């Protein structure tokens, strides 16, 4: 088997893309009301899909590395492919961790939950290592003449991967009651956009990557706020008439402060995202599709929650908290998964096209809009222009097409029409073409 065969590369990549897409759909279906057994089966199947996707990317990385060494190819394209493969593997690690965490939340025995939680943390650590490796390689590749815009986009995508990883680190630690570690992870996940210096680039791909990073950091903040408020709602039952009322009030105040701090960070991120609009309708659509509200709306929500908590502390009313939470975590359309978009990169030292998928979004609701248009491009070596195509995919219009294998009528004798079109010669009566030699042993009738 020729490991460097481009058809094998494409086949592995097509399978990886299918695994990621199917796994994402299975996890999304679990958000819809269904019984525990169905959810368990879907989550287990999603876990298997993401494991397969992760292993396929590892295989692609190994093949690419060996091929580069054997052909002495260390071009810009080859280095870019290595960074993209790291991104794909990191996203597979995160999705696998999500499936493991949600599987652990079902009614599983305690030892099983602990094992699933440990495995999820291992996958998240691997995803974080991928993000760090992308940044390190981007720094080195930039000194070797790589496109500055391409490097900047890769760094933004690495930060987005890291932000989502920290969000799920936070959730995993929270479910394990490791609250200090959870708070640290959530806060770290929201700071990638807050601490980042805004780019002045007019490049559309750069702006889109920065927008996606901001949206991811926003969700890191609102996820923590939702968890803290959920705990605070349950806590109010304990407070009423409890013999250790003061102790309970202190704990409730801590949860309230955590939620308010998270909303403060969300407000800062929202303000930064508002500055990215600059009259762009596509940016505004993305913010609306993902439920990103303005700082003013966040402030109103904080006032409502504050008023509700003050009433609870005084024991004035027993009404439940109004649903003013952000992030739409309960929506069946998930905002925390990497889905798929297609990217084709050409290695200039070889003729065939190497194909692999780069996800331009985190399977958010904005992905539905992008299916009808938008996307981003790749900057190739030797001044290859970047072009926009549908479906959030990256491709270069100057890349040559791979020659497909012969199939069906291609085996028949051919003739060229005056128009220049080549068609098969179909004599009457027409019969099937002869079997290729490699197929004959499987189709010869047994004597």
Foldseek 3Di string as FASTA:
>chain_A
DDLLDQVVLVVLQVLLQVLQQQLLVLCLVLLDDDDLVSNLVSLVSSLVSLVSSLVSLVSVLVSLVVVCVVVVDPDLLSLLVNLLSLLSNLQSLQSNLVSLQVSLPGPDDPVSSVVSLVSSVVSLVSSLVSLVVSLVSLVVVVVVPHDPLSSLLSNLSSLLSQLLSLLVQLVSCVVVVVNVSNLVSLVSSLVVLVVDDDDPDPAPSNLLSSLQSLLSSLLSLLSLLVVLVVVLLVLLVCLPPHPPNVVSVVVSVVSLVSNVVSLVSSQSSLVVLVVSPPVPPLSVVVCVQQQRDHSVLSVVLNVQVVVVVVCSSVVPDSDGRDPSGGRPPSDSQHQSHFRWFWEWGARVVDQETRTHIRGSGRSGSCLVVQQVFFAWEDQDPPGQDWDTDGNNYYYTPPRDHDDDDDDWQSLADWDADPVRDIGHDADPPGDGHDDDPVCCVVPPDDD
